[in-house]
Amino acid sequence: MHDHTDDAKGHPCPTWCRDAHGPGALPDDQHHASPPRHSVVLTGDPTLVPDDRAGASGVVGRLVCRIDSDLTWVEILSEEGRDVRLVVTIDSARRLMVLLEELLAAAES
């Protein structure tokens, strides 16, 4: 739900933004955020811990952008605790996707 059109620098609210940016909010508290997406991942440390000690972790992902910035970030965080924390720009996320596709292709061969 984007109920504003521009901030002081003329950055339009992205169509994916669901936050209301009301008057009176502190500039540091204003950012664009997409609706959260949820998943479960298995996390562990295979070089130090046996596979049976891996654990399921709920994660939430969303897009985030400060209202005064041109950079959009992909944020993937644990729903509870800090098992998973990945915050990268859109361009970095694309490069990471290529890397993941290469690793998955290698695992399937």
Protein backbone atom coordinates (compact mmCIF):
# COMPACT_ATOMS: atom_id res chain seq x y z
CA MET A 1 0.00 0.00 0.00
CA HIS A 2 1.81 3.09 -1.08
CA ASP A 3 -0.08 6.18 -0.07
CA HIS A 4 2.48 8.76 -1.09
CA THR A 5 4.06 9.58 -4.38
CA ASP A 6 7.36 11.29 -3.70
CA ASP A 7 9.77 12.11 -0.92
CA ALA A 8 11.87 15.25 -0.69
CA LYS A 9 14.34 14.04 -3.34
CA GLY A 10 11.68 12.92 -5.79
CA HIS A 11 12.03 9.15 -5.34
CA PRO A 12 8.67 7.57 -6.13
CA CYS A 13 7.28 4.87 -3.89
CA PRO A 14 7.89 1.49 -5.61
CA THR A 15 4.83 -0.50 -6.61
CA TRP A 16 5.94 -3.34 -4.30
CA CYS A 17 5.98 -1.10 -1.20
CA ARG A 18 3.37 -1.96 1.40
CA ASP A 19 4.35 0.61 4.03
CA ALA A 20 2.41 3.76 4.78
CA HIS A 21 4.71 6.76 4.94
CA GLY A 22 2.70 9.20 6.97
CA PRO A 23 3.57 12.77 7.79
CA GLY A 24 5.44 13.27 11.03
CA ALA A 25 7.45 10.05 10.86
CA LEU A 26 11.16 10.49 11.44
CA PRO A 27 13.19 10.33 8.20
CA ASP A 28 15.37 7.52 9.61
CA ASP A 29 12.24 5.43 10.23
CA GLN A 30 10.88 5.78 6.73
CA HIS A 31 11.68 3.10 4.20
CA HIS A 32 9.92 1.15 1.50
CA ALA A 33 9.27 -2.51 2.29
CA SER A 34 7.63 -5.28 0.32
CA PRO A 35 5.25 -7.76 1.89
CA PRO A 36 7.26 -10.46 3.67
CA ARG A 37 7.74 -13.89 2.13
CA HIS A 38 8.28 -16.89 4.40
CA SER A 39 10.20 -20.13 4.00
CA VAL A 40 11.96 -22.77 6.06
CA VAL A 41 15.60 -23.66 5.49
CA LEU A 42 17.90 -26.24 7.04
CA THR A 43 20.97 -24.58 8.55
CA GLY A 44 24.16 -25.99 9.97
CA ASP A 45 27.92 -25.98 9.72
CA PRO A 46 28.90 -29.13 7.79
CA THR A 47 32.63 -28.58 8.26
CA LEU A 48 32.33 -28.60 12.07
CA VAL A 49 29.02 -30.19 13.03
CA PRO A 50 27.51 -33.55 11.97
CA ASP A 51 24.55 -33.39 9.59
CA ASP A 52 22.15 -34.65 12.25
CA ARG A 53 22.80 -31.47 14.24
CA ALA A 54 21.47 -29.24 11.45
CA GLY A 55 18.28 -27.42 12.32
CA ALA A 56 15.25 -25.99 10.58
CA SER A 57 15.00 -22.22 10.66
CA GLY A 58 12.05 -20.12 9.60
CA VAL A 59 13.17 -17.22 7.44
CA VAL A 60 11.47 -14.13 6.14
CA GLY A 61 12.50 -12.28 2.99
CA ARG A 62 11.53 -8.85 1.73
CA LEU A 63 12.66 -5.95 -0.41
CA VAL A 64 13.75 -2.83 1.46
CA CYS A 65 14.73 0.64 0.25
CA ARG A 66 15.27 3.84 2.18
CA ILE A 67 12.99 6.56 0.86
CA ASP A 68 15.99 8.77 0.11
CA SER A 69 17.98 6.09 -1.75
CA ASP A 70 18.09 4.51 -5.19
CA LEU A 71 19.41 1.20 -3.78
CA THR A 72 16.96 -1.65 -3.24
CA TRP A 73 18.03 -4.40 -0.87
CA VAL A 74 17.01 -8.04 -0.53
CA GLU A 75 16.78 -8.91 3.14
CA ILE A 76 16.55 -12.54 4.32
CA LEU A 77 16.50 -12.96 8.08
CA SER A 78 15.65 -15.62 10.63
CA GLU A 79 12.15 -15.20 12.00
CA GLU A 80 13.63 -15.96 15.42
CA GLY A 81 17.23 -15.68 16.51
CA ARG A 82 20.11 -14.92 14.18
CA ASP A 83 20.79 -18.21 12.39
CA VAL A 84 20.24 -16.57 9.01
CA ARG A 85 21.04 -12.98 8.05
CA LEU A 86 21.62 -11.98 4.45
CA VAL A 87 21.17 -8.39 3.30
CA VAL A 88 22.41 -7.62 -0.22
CA THR A 89 21.58 -5.21 -3.01
CA ILE A 90 19.40 -6.31 -5.93
CA ASP A 91 22.49 -6.54 -8.18
CA SER A 92 24.32 -8.65 -5.59
CA ALA A 93 21.25 -10.88 -5.24
CA ARG A 94 21.30 -11.48 -9.00
CA ARG A 95 24.98 -12.47 -8.84
CA LEU A 96 24.22 -14.72 -5.89
CA MET A 97 21.40 -16.38 -7.87
CA VAL A 98 23.85 -17.20 -10.68
CA LEU A 99 26.26 -18.70 -8.14
CA LEU A 100 23.46 -20.76 -6.55
CA GLU A 101 22.30 -22.03 -9.96
CA GLU A 102 25.88 -23.13 -10.75
CA LEU A 103 26.20 -24.92 -7.40
CA LEU A 104 22.82 -26.62 -7.78
CA ALA A 105 23.69 -27.75 -11.30
CA ALA A 106 26.97 -29.20 -10.01
CA ALA A 107 25.12 -31.01 -7.18
CA GLU A 108 22.73 -32.59 -9.70
CA SER A 109 25.46 -33.93 -11.98
